[in-house]
PDB file of all heavy atoms in Angstrom:
ATOM      1  N   LEU A   1       0.832  -1.213   0.000  1.00  0.00           N
ATOM      2  CA  LEU A   1       0.000   0.000   0.000  1.00  0.00           C
ATOM      3  C   LEU A   1       0.859   1.253   0.000  1.00  0.00           C
ATOM      4  O   LEU A   1       0.621   2.192  -0.781  1.00  0.00           O
ATOM      5  CB  LEU A   1      -0.930  -0.013   1.215  1.00  0.00           C
ATOM      6  CG  LEU A   1      -2.070  -1.031   1.210  1.00  0.00           C
ATOM      7  CD1 LEU A   1      -2.742  -1.088   2.579  1.00  0.00           C
ATOM      8  CD2 LEU A   1      -3.092  -0.680   0.143  1.00  0.00           C
ATOM      9  N   LEU A   2       1.860   1.295   0.855  1.00  0.00           N
ATOM     10  CA  LEU A   2       2.735   2.469   0.925  1.00  0.00           C
ATOM     11  C   LEU A   2       3.572   2.615  -0.340  1.00  0.00           C
ATOM     12  O   LEU A   2       3.804   3.723  -0.821  1.00  0.00           O
ATOM     13  CB  LEU A   2       3.641   2.383   2.155  1.00  0.00           C
ATOM     14  CG  LEU A   2       2.932   2.387   3.514  1.00  0.00           C
ATOM     15  CD1 LEU A   2       3.958   2.420   4.639  1.00  0.00           C
ATOM     16  CD2 LEU A   2       1.984   3.569   3.630  1.00  0.00           C
ATOM     17  N   LEU A   3       4.040   1.492  -0.877  1.00  0.00           N
ATOM     18  CA  LEU A   3       4.797   1.548  -2.124  1.00  0.00           C
ATOM     19  C   LEU A   3       3.924   2.076  -3.261  1.00  0.00           C
ATOM     20  O   LEU A   3       4.393   2.833  -4.124  1.00  0.00           O
ATOM     21  CB  LEU A   3       5.346   0.163  -2.468  1.00  0.00           C
ATOM     22  CG  LEU A   3       6.214   0.062  -3.724  1.00  0.00           C
ATOM     23  CD1 LEU A   3       7.416   1.003  -3.638  1.00  0.00           C
ATOM     24  CD2 LEU A   3       6.679  -1.375  -3.937  1.00  0.00           C
ATOM     25  N   GLY A   4       2.654   1.685  -3.244  1.00  0.00           N
ATOM     26  CA  GLY A   4       1.735   2.207  -4.248  1.00  0.00           C
ATOM     27  C   GLY A   4       1.586   3.719  -4.146  1.00  0.00           C
ATOM     28  O   GLY A   4       1.559   4.425  -5.165  1.00  0.00           O
ATOM     29  N   LEU A   5       1.513   4.239  -2.918  1.00  0.00           N
ATOM     30  CA  LEU A   5       1.436   5.693  -2.732  1.00  0.00           C
ATOM     31  C   LEU A   5       2.706   6.370  -3.233  1.00  0.00           C
ATOM     32  O   LEU A   5       2.648   7.440  -3.870  1.00  0.00           O
ATOM     33  CB  LEU A   5       1.221   6.015  -1.252  1.00  0.00           C
ATOM     34  CG  LEU A   5      -0.128   5.587  -0.654  1.00  0.00           C
ATOM     35  CD1 LEU A   5      -0.161   5.894   0.841  1.00  0.00           C
ATOM     36  CD2 LEU A   5      -1.280   6.294  -1.358  1.00  0.00           C
ATOM     37  N   LEU A   6       3.859   5.773  -2.953  1.00  0.00           N
ATOM     38  CA  LEU A   6       5.123   6.334  -3.429  1.00  0.00           C
ATOM     39  C   LEU A   6       5.182   6.324  -4.954  1.00  0.00           C
ATOM     40  O   LEU A   6       5.701   7.275  -5.566  1.00  0.00           O
ATOM     41  CB  LEU A   6       6.297   5.535  -2.862  1.00  0.00           C
ATOM     42  CG  LEU A   6       6.594   5.748  -1.382  1.00  0.00           C
ATOM     43  CD1 LEU A   6       7.522   4.654  -0.851  1.00  0.00           C
ATOM     44  CD2 LEU A   6       7.212   7.123  -1.144  1.00  0.00           C
ATOM     45  N   LEU A   7       4.678   5.272  -5.573  1.00  0.00           N
ATOM     46  CA  LEU A   7       4.656   5.209  -7.031  1.00  0.00           C
ATOM     47  C   LEU A   7       3.786   6.314  -7.611  1.00  0.00           C
ATOM     48  O   LEU A   7       4.115   6.902  -8.647  1.00  0.00           O
ATOM     49  CB  LEU A   7       4.160   3.840  -7.483  1.00  0.00           C
ATOM     50  CG  LEU A   7       5.170   2.695  -7.363  1.00  0.00           C
ATOM     51  CD1 LEU A   7       4.470   1.342  -7.420  1.00  0.00           C
ATOM     52  CD2 LEU A   7       6.210   2.791  -8.479  1.00  0.00           C
ATOM     53  N   HIS A   8       2.665   6.622  -6.947  1.00  0.00           N
ATOM     54  CA  HIS A   8       1.796   7.706  -7.408  1.00  0.00           C
ATOM     55  C   HIS A   8       2.483   9.062  -7.249  1.00  0.00           C
ATOM     56  O   HIS A   8       2.255   9.968  -8.055  1.00  0.00           O
ATOM     57  CB  HIS A   8       0.475   7.687  -6.648  1.00  0.00           C
ATOM     58  CG  HIS A   8      -0.551   6.774  -7.242  1.00  0.00           C
ATOM     59  ND1 HIS A   8      -1.122   7.000  -8.483  1.00  0.00           N
ATOM     60  CD2 HIS A   8      -1.094   5.616  -6.780  1.00  0.00           C
ATOM     61  CE1 HIS A   8      -1.982   6.027  -8.749  1.00  0.00           C
ATOM     62  NE2 HIS A   8      -1.986   5.181  -7.740  1.00  0.00           N
ATOM     63  N   ARG A   9       3.309   9.213  -6.241  1.00  0.00           N
ATOM     64  CA  ARG A   9       4.035  10.473  -6.045  1.00  0.00           C
ATOM     65  C   ARG A   9       5.177  10.635  -7.040  1.00  0.00           C
ATOM     66  O   ARG A   9       5.599  11.744  -7.332  1.00  0.00           O
ATOM     67  CB  ARG A   9       4.602  10.532  -4.621  1.00  0.00           C
ATOM     68  CG  ARG A   9       3.576  10.739  -3.529  1.00  0.00           C
ATOM     69  CD  ARG A   9       4.291  10.907  -2.195  1.00  0.00           C
ATOM     70  NE  ARG A   9       3.371  11.150  -1.098  1.00  0.00           N
ATOM     71  CZ  ARG A   9       3.755  11.421   0.152  1.00  0.00           C
ATOM     72  NH1 ARG A   9       5.050  11.473   0.436  1.00  0.00           N
ATOM     73  NH2 ARG A   9       2.853  11.636   1.095  1.00  0.00           N
ATOM     74  N   SER A  10       5.691   9.513  -7.518  1.00  0.00           N
ATOM     75  CA  SER A  10       6.843   9.539  -8.414  1.00  0.00           C
ATOM     76  C   SER A  10       6.386   9.780  -9.853  1.00  0.00           C
ATOM     77  O   SER A  10       5.196   9.735 -10.162  1.00  0.00           O
ATOM     78  CB  SER A  10       7.589   8.198  -8.318  1.00  0.00           C
ATOM     79  OG  SER A  10       6.889   7.193  -9.038  1.00  0.00           O
ATOM     80  N   PRO A  11       7.331  10.007 -10.761  1.00  0.00           N
ATOM     81  CA  PRO A  11       6.985  10.186 -12.183  1.00  0.00           C
ATOM     82  C   PRO A  11       6.688   8.878 -12.898  1.00  0.00           C
ATOM     83  O   PRO A  11       6.349   8.892 -14.081  1.00  0.00           O
ATOM     84  CB  PRO A  11       8.251  10.832 -12.774  1.00  0.00           C
ATOM     85  CG  PRO A  11       9.099  11.223 -11.631  1.00  0.00           C
ATOM     86  CD  PRO A  11       8.751  10.300 -10.520  1.00  0.00           C
ATOM     87  N   LEU A  12       6.821   7.752 -12.231  1.00  0.00           N
ATOM     88  CA  LEU A  12       6.541   6.470 -12.862  1.00  0.00           C
ATOM     89  C   LEU A  12       5.049   6.343 -13.142  1.00  0.00           C
ATOM     90  O   LEU A  12       4.238   7.057 -12.546  1.00  0.00           O
ATOM     91  CB  LEU A  12       7.023   5.319 -11.978  1.00  0.00           C
ATOM     92  CG  LEU A  12       8.500   4.917 -12.111  1.00  0.00           C
ATOM     93  CD1 LEU A  12       9.420   6.080 -11.722  1.00  0.00           C
ATOM     94  CD2 LEU A  12       8.816   3.694 -11.260  1.00  0.00           C
ATOM     95  N   PRO A  13       4.659   5.433 -14.044  1.00  0.00           N
ATOM     96  CA  PRO A  13       3.239   5.307 -14.406  1.00  0.00           C
ATOM     97  C   PRO A  13       2.342   5.092 -13.188  1.00  0.00           C
ATOM     98  O   PRO A  13       2.602   4.224 -12.351  1.00  0.00           O
ATOM     99  CB  PRO A  13       3.228   4.073 -15.329  1.00  0.00           C
ATOM    100  CG  PRO A  13       4.590   4.045 -15.931  1.00  0.00           C
ATOM    101  CD  PRO A  13       5.513   4.527 -14.845  1.00  0.00           C
ATOM    102  N   GLY A  14       1.283   5.884 -13.111  1.00  0.00           N
ATOM    103  CA  GLY A  14       0.371   5.784 -11.980  1.00  0.00           C
ATOM    104  C   GLY A  14      -0.318   4.437 -11.894  1.00  0.00           C
ATOM    105  O   GLY A  14      -0.719   4.002 -10.803  1.00  0.00           O
ATOM    106  N   LEU A  15      -0.446   3.759 -13.049  1.00  0.00           N
ATOM    107  CA  LEU A  15      -1.080   2.438 -13.046  1.00  0.00           C
ATOM    108  C   LEU A  15      -0.320   1.463 -12.158  1.00  0.00           C
ATOM    109  O   LEU A  15      -0.930   0.628 -11.478  1.00  0.00           O
ATOM    110  CB  LEU A  15      -1.157   1.890 -14.475  1.00  0.00           C
ATOM    111  CG  LEU A  15      -1.751   0.483 -14.630  1.00  0.00           C
ATOM    112  CD1 LEU A  15      -3.191   0.450 -14.125  1.00  0.00           C
ATOM    113  CD2 LEU A  15      -1.667   0.022 -16.087  1.00  0.00           C
ATOM    114  N   LEU A  16       1.010   1.579 -12.139  1.00  0.00           N
ATOM    115  CA  LEU A  16       1.812   0.713 -11.280  1.00  0.00           C
ATOM    116  C   LEU A  16       1.451   0.921  -9.813  1.00  0.00           C
ATOM    117  O   LEU A  16       1.343  -0.035  -9.042  1.00  0.00           O
ATOM    118  CB  LEU A  16       3.307   0.976 -11.490  1.00  0.00           C
ATOM    119  CG  LEU A  16       3.895   0.596 -12.844  1.00  0.00           C
ATOM    120  CD1 LEU A  16       5.343   1.070 -12.939  1.00  0.00           C
ATOM    121  CD2 LEU A  16       3.814  -0.905 -13.062  1.00  0.00           C
ATOM    122  N   GLY A  17       1.267   2.176  -9.439  1.00  0.00           N
ATOM    123  CA  GLY A  17       0.880   2.482  -8.065  1.00  0.00           C
ATOM    124  C   GLY A  17      -0.483   1.912  -7.722  1.00  0.00           C
ATOM    125  O   GLY A  17      -0.668   1.339  -6.642  1.00  0.00           O
ATOM    126  N   SER A  18      -1.426   2.041  -8.633  1.00  0.00           N
ATOM    127  CA  SER A  18      -2.778   1.517  -8.388  1.00  0.00           C
ATOM    128  C   SER A  18      -2.757   0.000  -8.253  1.00  0.00           C
ATOM    129  O   SER A  18      -3.438  -0.573  -7.393  1.00  0.00           O
ATOM    130  CB  SER A  18      -3.707   1.934  -9.535  1.00  0.00           C
ATOM    131  OG  SER A  18      -3.819   3.338  -9.608  1.00  0.00           O
ATOM    132  N   LEU A  19      -1.967  -0.668  -9.089  1.00  0.00           N
ATOM    133  CA  LEU A  19      -1.886  -2.124  -9.028  1.00  0.00           C
ATOM    134  C   LEU A  19      -1.224  -2.595  -7.736  1.00  0.00           C
ATOM    135  O   LEU A  19      -1.631  -3.610  -7.151  1.00  0.00           O
ATOM    136  CB  LEU A  19      -1.112  -2.658 -10.237  1.00  0.00           C
ATOM    137  CG  LEU A  19      -1.820  -2.524 -11.592  1.00  0.00           C
ATOM    138  CD1 LEU A  19      -0.901  -2.988 -12.719  1.00  0.00           C
ATOM    139  CD2 LEU A  19      -3.127  -3.311 -11.610  1.00  0.00           C
ATOM    140  N   MET A  20      -0.213  -1.851  -7.255  1.00  0.00           N
ATOM    141  CA  MET A  20       0.420  -2.226  -5.992  1.00  0.00           C
ATOM    142  C   MET A  20      -0.525  -2.005  -4.816  1.00  0.00           C
ATOM    143  O   MET A  20      -0.527  -2.780  -3.859  1.00  0.00           O
ATOM    144  CB  MET A  20       1.707  -1.433  -5.792  1.00  0.00           C
ATOM    145  CG  MET A  20       2.872  -1.905  -6.648  1.00  0.00           C
ATOM    146  SD  MET A  20       3.271  -3.668  -6.455  1.00  0.00           S
ATOM    147  CE  MET A  20       3.780  -3.730  -4.733  1.00  0.00           C
ATOM    148  N   ILE A  21      -1.335  -0.969  -4.891  1.00  0.00           N
ATOM    149  CA  ILE A  21      -2.327  -0.738  -3.834  1.00  0.00           C
ATOM    150  C   ILE A  21      -3.346  -1.876  -3.821  1.00  0.00           C
ATOM    151  O   ILE A  21      -3.726  -2.380  -2.759  1.00  0.00           O
ATOM    152  CB  ILE A  21      -3.020   0.626  -4.030  1.00  0.00           C
ATOM    153  CG1 ILE A  21      -2.031   1.766  -3.712  1.00  0.00           C
ATOM    154  CG2 ILE A  21      -4.267   0.742  -3.156  1.00  0.00           C
ATOM    155  CD1 ILE A  21      -2.558   3.148  -4.032  1.00  0.00           C
ATOM    156  N   LEU A  22      -3.783  -2.311  -5.006  1.00  0.00           N
ATOM    157  CA  LEU A  22      -4.693  -3.451  -5.080  1.00  0.00           C
ATOM    158  C   LEU A  22      -4.044  -4.716  -4.514  1.00  0.00           C
ATOM    159  O   LEU A  22      -4.702  -5.506  -3.821  1.00  0.00           O
ATOM    160  CB  LEU A  22      -5.108  -3.692  -6.540  1.00  0.00           C
ATOM    161  CG  LEU A  22      -6.140  -2.735  -7.131  1.00  0.00           C
ATOM    162  CD1 LEU A  22      -6.366  -3.053  -8.599  1.00  0.00           C
ATOM    163  CD2 LEU A  22      -7.454  -2.816  -6.363  1.00  0.00           C
ATOM    164  N   ALA A  23      -2.752  -4.887  -4.805  1.00  0.00           N
ATOM    165  CA  ALA A  23      -2.040  -6.044  -4.247  1.00  0.00           C
ATOM    166  C   ALA A  23      -2.024  -5.978  -2.723  1.00  0.00           C
ATOM    167  O   ALA A  23      -2.243  -6.983  -2.043  1.00  0.00           O
ATOM    168  CB  ALA A  23      -0.610  -6.090  -4.787  1.00  0.00           C
ATOM    169  N   GLY A  24      -1.775  -4.784  -2.184  1.00  0.00           N
ATOM    170  CA  GLY A  24      -1.773  -4.614  -0.729  1.00  0.00           C
ATOM    171  C   GLY A  24      -3.121  -4.941  -0.121  1.00  0.00           C
ATOM    172  O   GLY A  24      -3.209  -5.614   0.913  1.00  0.00           O
TER     173      GLY A  24
END
């Protein structure tokens, strides 16, 4: 969940963050 939030804050694709949040 926290990694997903960090991915959303970063310039990396937001989809990666959403998928990590779903995994969490």
